[in-house]
Amino acid sequence: MGVVSAAELPSKEVGPALEILVKEARAVSIGQGDSRLYYNATGWANLVKEATAILQDYHKRFAVRAGMPKVELASRLRLGKQSPLILSKLVEENVLAEEGLSIRLPSHEVRLTPAQKASIDSFLKSLSDNPYSPPSDRAPEPDLLSLLIERGQVVKTGEGVFFSAKAFEEMVAGVVDYIKGHSKVTLGEVRDLFKTSRRYVQSLLEYMDEKKITRRVGDDRVLY
């Protein structure tokens, strides 16, 4: 038996025999009820080995990424619709560790080269120097940028528009407070509020709409 679902087995055979195998470490049980899965010990060990090898290679090739997207690992392991249960079991057993929508080996840590760290520091400084009108031509390489977004240091509101987390929070709070005091706000009013350009304000407001903080009513924004 590699993997079998409890729902695929006659009910009388699901209980005692499989539970004995689990207790004897000859099988692995995943999940509960009819959605429960059973791997034999060899099948589970092979899965652990394959998942580990895939992530070792991924971390080597993409050293500054926090982890591999869960959907990609599930696809490569051919886990199908049961992937959430199986990945959760691998995390529970400390074979893997979760990083939001990504997954990694517990031993993996992002290690930046001096050049990469300098690139990040320069970019963050540029955002801090012009918080409401940040430059769009100073972004680091895509993997470094993704790392900053994953760490919550940078917010991407649109194509080529990035704010520091601090500036983004200040702008969102400012828009929300203005609407609470005036019932609504226009793009022009937000532009004047932060003394920035239409490009940045439009990107910010569209992102706030997407996140259901605000919603557009004609030329105005109101709270969602």
Protein backbone atom coordinates (compact mmCIF):
# COMPACT_ATOMS: atom_id res chain seq x y z
CA MET A 1 0.00 0.00 0.00
CA GLY A 2 1.46 3.37 -1.00
CA VAL A 3 -1.43 5.65 -0.08
CA VAL A 4 -5.12 4.87 0.34
CA SER A 5 -8.11 6.89 1.47
CA ALA A 6 -10.33 5.68 4.29
CA ALA A 7 -13.30 6.40 2.03
CA GLU A 8 -11.99 3.84 -0.46
CA LEU A 9 -11.96 1.01 2.08
CA PRO A 10 -14.89 -1.06 3.38
CA SER A 11 -15.81 0.44 6.76
CA LYS A 12 -15.25 -2.82 8.64
CA GLU A 13 -11.67 -2.94 7.43
CA VAL A 14 -10.72 0.66 8.19
CA GLY A 15 -10.39 0.48 11.95
CA PRO A 16 -8.56 -2.27 13.83
CA ALA A 17 -6.12 -3.54 11.22
CA LEU A 18 -4.91 -0.12 10.08
CA GLU A 19 -4.70 1.26 13.60
CA ILE A 20 -2.48 -1.65 14.58
CA LEU A 21 -0.21 -0.89 11.63
CA VAL A 22 -0.07 2.77 12.66
CA LYS A 23 0.82 1.88 16.27
CA GLU A 24 3.52 -0.47 15.02
CA ALA A 25 4.91 2.34 12.81
CA ARG A 26 4.22 0.24 9.73
CA ALA A 27 1.72 2.80 8.43
CA VAL A 28 1.12 6.54 8.73
CA SER A 29 -2.33 8.03 9.29
CA ILE A 30 -3.13 11.50 7.96
CA GLY A 31 -6.28 13.49 8.69
CA GLN A 32 -9.59 12.41 10.18
CA GLY A 33 -12.78 10.60 9.16
CA ASP A 34 -13.49 9.70 5.55
CA SER A 35 -10.83 12.15 4.38
CA ARG A 36 -8.17 10.25 6.30
CA LEU A 37 -5.27 8.85 4.32
CA TYR A 38 -2.95 5.95 5.06
CA TYR A 39 0.59 5.51 3.78
CA ASN A 40 2.62 2.41 4.40
CA ALA A 41 5.91 3.14 6.11
CA THR A 42 7.96 2.69 2.96
CA GLY A 43 5.68 4.91 0.89
CA TRP A 44 5.82 7.67 3.51
CA ALA A 45 9.59 7.44 3.84
CA ASN A 46 9.92 7.74 0.06
CA LEU A 47 7.67 10.80 0.06
CA VAL A 48 9.72 12.44 2.81
CA LYS A 49 12.92 11.69 0.90
CA GLU A 50 11.55 13.08 -2.37
CA ALA A 51 10.15 16.25 -0.76
CA THR A 52 13.46 16.87 1.02
CA ALA A 53 15.48 16.38 -2.17
CA ILE A 54 13.22 18.72 -4.17
CA LEU A 55 13.51 21.49 -1.57
CA GLN A 56 17.26 21.04 -1.12
CA ASP A 57 17.69 21.63 -4.84
CA TYR A 58 15.24 24.57 -4.80
CA HIS A 59 17.01 26.29 -1.89
CA LYS A 60 20.34 25.83 -3.63
CA ARG A 61 19.05 27.43 -6.85
CA PHE A 62 17.01 30.18 -5.18
CA ALA A 63 18.93 30.99 -2.02
CA VAL A 64 17.16 34.27 -1.28
CA ARG A 65 13.64 32.91 -1.60
CA ALA A 66 11.92 32.06 1.67
CA GLY A 67 10.61 28.82 0.19
CA MET A 68 8.92 27.06 -2.70
CA PRO A 69 5.26 27.79 -3.43
CA LYS A 70 3.13 25.06 -1.86
CA VAL A 71 1.26 24.46 -5.09
CA GLU A 72 4.52 23.85 -6.93
CA LEU A 73 5.76 21.32 -4.41
CA ALA A 74 2.39 19.56 -4.34
CA SER A 75 2.45 19.33 -8.14
CA ARG A 76 5.99 17.96 -8.23
CA LEU A 77 5.11 15.37 -5.58
CA ARG A 78 1.91 14.49 -7.47
CA LEU A 79 -0.19 14.89 -4.31
CA GLY A 80 -3.44 15.82 -6.07
CA LYS A 81 -6.43 17.11 -4.14
CA GLN A 82 -5.14 15.67 -0.88
CA SER A 83 -2.09 17.94 -0.90
CA PRO A 84 -3.20 20.21 2.02
CA LEU A 85 -3.55 17.20 4.34
CA ILE A 86 -0.25 15.66 3.29
CA LEU A 87 1.73 18.91 3.47
CA SER A 88 0.26 19.62 6.92
CA LYS A 89 1.43 16.20 8.09
CA LEU A 90 4.93 16.88 6.76
CA VAL A 91 4.96 20.19 8.64
CA GLU A 92 3.60 18.51 11.79
CA GLU A 93 6.48 16.01 11.67
CA ASN A 94 8.99 18.86 11.17
CA VAL A 95 10.00 17.52 7.77
CA LEU A 96 8.93 20.88 6.28
CA ALA A 97 8.17 24.36 7.60
CA GLU A 98 5.55 26.83 6.35
CA GLU A 99 6.24 30.39 5.21
CA GLY A 100 2.83 31.79 4.27
CA LEU A 101 2.01 30.37 0.84
CA SER A 102 5.49 28.88 0.59
CA ILE A 103 7.14 25.88 2.19
CA ARG A 104 10.76 25.20 3.06
CA LEU A 105 13.11 22.85 4.87
CA PRO A 106 13.34 23.74 8.58
CA SER A 107 17.08 24.25 8.20
CA HIS A 108 16.75 26.79 5.38
CA GLU A 109 17.67 30.40 6.12
CA VAL A 110 17.93 33.22 3.64
CA ARG A 111 21.54 34.32 3.43
CA LEU A 112 22.30 37.53 1.59
CA THR A 113 25.60 38.39 -0.01
CA PRO A 114 27.10 41.80 0.85
CA ALA A 115 26.07 43.04 -2.61
CA GLN A 116 22.49 41.86 -2.14
CA LYS A 117 22.28 43.46 1.31
CA ALA A 118 23.63 46.71 -0.10
CA SER A 119 21.03 46.62 -2.87
CA ILE A 120 18.23 46.11 -0.34
CA ASP A 121 19.50 48.85 1.96
CA SER A 122 19.74 51.30 -0.93
CA PHE A 123 16.20 50.51 -2.06
CA LEU A 124 14.71 50.82 1.43
CA LYS A 125 16.49 54.16 1.89
CA SER A 126 15.04 55.43 -1.39
CA LEU A 127 11.55 54.52 -0.16
CA SER A 128 12.19 56.23 3.17
CA ASP A 129 13.56 59.39 1.54
CA ASN A 130 10.42 59.80 -0.63
CA PRO A 131 7.74 57.88 1.27
CA TYR A 132 4.70 59.07 -0.68
CA SER A 133 6.40 59.40 -4.07
CA PRO A 134 8.87 56.50 -4.03
CA PRO A 135 11.14 56.03 -7.06
CA SER A 136 10.18 53.18 -9.37
CA ASP A 137 13.63 52.62 -10.86
CA ARG A 138 15.52 51.57 -7.72
CA ALA A 139 13.94 48.18 -7.09
CA PRO A 140 16.38 45.31 -6.50
CA GLU A 141 16.32 42.02 -8.41
CA PRO A 142 12.92 40.24 -8.36
CA ASP A 143 13.86 37.63 -5.74
CA LEU A 144 15.12 40.29 -3.35
CA LEU A 145 12.01 42.37 -3.92
CA SER A 146 9.78 39.35 -3.26
CA LEU A 147 11.71 38.72 -0.06
CA LEU A 148 11.03 42.26 1.17
CA ILE A 149 7.34 41.88 0.35
CA GLU A 150 7.16 38.50 2.10
CA ARG A 151 8.86 39.99 5.16
CA GLY A 152 6.32 42.81 5.24
CA GLN A 153 8.91 45.54 4.73
CA VAL A 154 7.56 46.65 1.35
CA VAL A 155 4.04 46.79 -0.11
CA LYS A 156 3.48 46.52 -3.85
CA THR A 157 0.28 48.36 -4.76
CA GLY A 158 0.63 48.19 -8.53
CA GLU A 159 2.99 47.64 -11.43
CA GLY A 160 6.21 49.42 -10.52
CA VAL A 161 4.73 51.07 -7.43
CA PHE A 162 6.23 50.10 -4.08
CA PHE A 163 5.80 51.77 -0.69
CA SER A 164 7.62 51.10 2.54
CA ALA A 165 5.35 49.34 5.02
CA LYS A 166 5.46 52.44 7.26
CA ALA A 167 4.43 54.82 4.47
CA PHE A 168 1.70 52.47 3.27
CA GLU A 169 0.21 52.21 6.77
CA GLU A 170 0.33 56.00 7.15
CA MET A 171 -1.40 56.55 3.80
CA VAL A 172 -4.11 53.98 4.47
CA ALA A 173 -4.76 55.46 7.92
CA GLY A 174 -4.86 58.96 6.42
CA VAL A 175 -7.38 57.95 3.74
CA VAL A 176 -9.58 56.12 6.25
CA ASP A 177 -9.53 59.03 8.73
CA TYR A 178 -10.38 61.51 5.96
CA ILE A 179 -13.35 59.43 4.82
CA LYS A 180 -14.58 59.10 8.41
CA GLY A 181 -14.53 62.89 8.70
CA HIS A 182 -15.96 63.71 5.27
CA SER A 183 -17.95 60.55 4.32
CA LYS A 184 -15.93 60.20 1.10
CA VAL A 185 -12.69 61.17 -0.61
CA THR A 186 -11.60 61.85 -4.18
CA LEU A 187 -8.34 60.91 -5.83
CA GLY A 188 -7.39 64.59 -5.99
CA GLU A 189 -7.99 65.05 -2.27
CA VAL A 190 -5.74 62.11 -1.45
CA ARG A 191 -3.10 63.50 -3.81
CA ASP A 192 -3.19 66.84 -1.98
CA LEU A 193 -3.26 65.13 1.41
CA PHE A 194 0.09 63.45 0.77
CA LYS A 195 1.49 65.96 -1.73
CA THR A 196 2.19 63.26 -4.27
CA SER A 197 1.22 62.48 -7.85
CA ARG A 198 -1.86 60.93 -9.38
CA ARG A 199 0.07 57.77 -10.32
CA TYR A 200 0.84 56.85 -6.73
CA VAL A 201 -2.58 57.76 -5.38
CA GLN A 202 -4.42 55.83 -8.07
CA SER A 203 -2.30 52.75 -7.38
CA LEU A 204 -2.88 53.09 -3.63
CA LEU A 205 -6.64 53.54 -3.92
CA GLU A 206 -7.06 50.65 -6.36
CA TYR A 207 -5.09 48.45 -3.97
CA MET A 208 -7.29 49.57 -1.07
CA ASP A 209 -10.36 48.74 -3.16
CA GLU A 210 -8.91 45.31 -3.91
CA LYS A 211 -8.31 44.69 -0.19
CA LYS A 212 -11.86 45.83 0.60
CA ILE A 213 -10.74 48.79 2.70
CA THR A 214 -12.47 51.23 0.37
CA ARG A 215 -14.79 50.99 -2.59
CA ARG A 216 -15.30 53.30 -5.53
CA VAL A 217 -18.57 55.15 -6.02
CA GLY A 218 -18.32 57.27 -9.15
CA ASP A 219 -15.28 59.51 -8.68
CA ASP A 220 -15.31 59.07 -4.90
CA ARG A 221 -14.07 56.45 -2.46
CA VAL A 222 -16.04 55.43 0.60
CA LEU A 223 -15.24 52.91 3.30
CA TYR A 224 -16.05 49.36 2.33
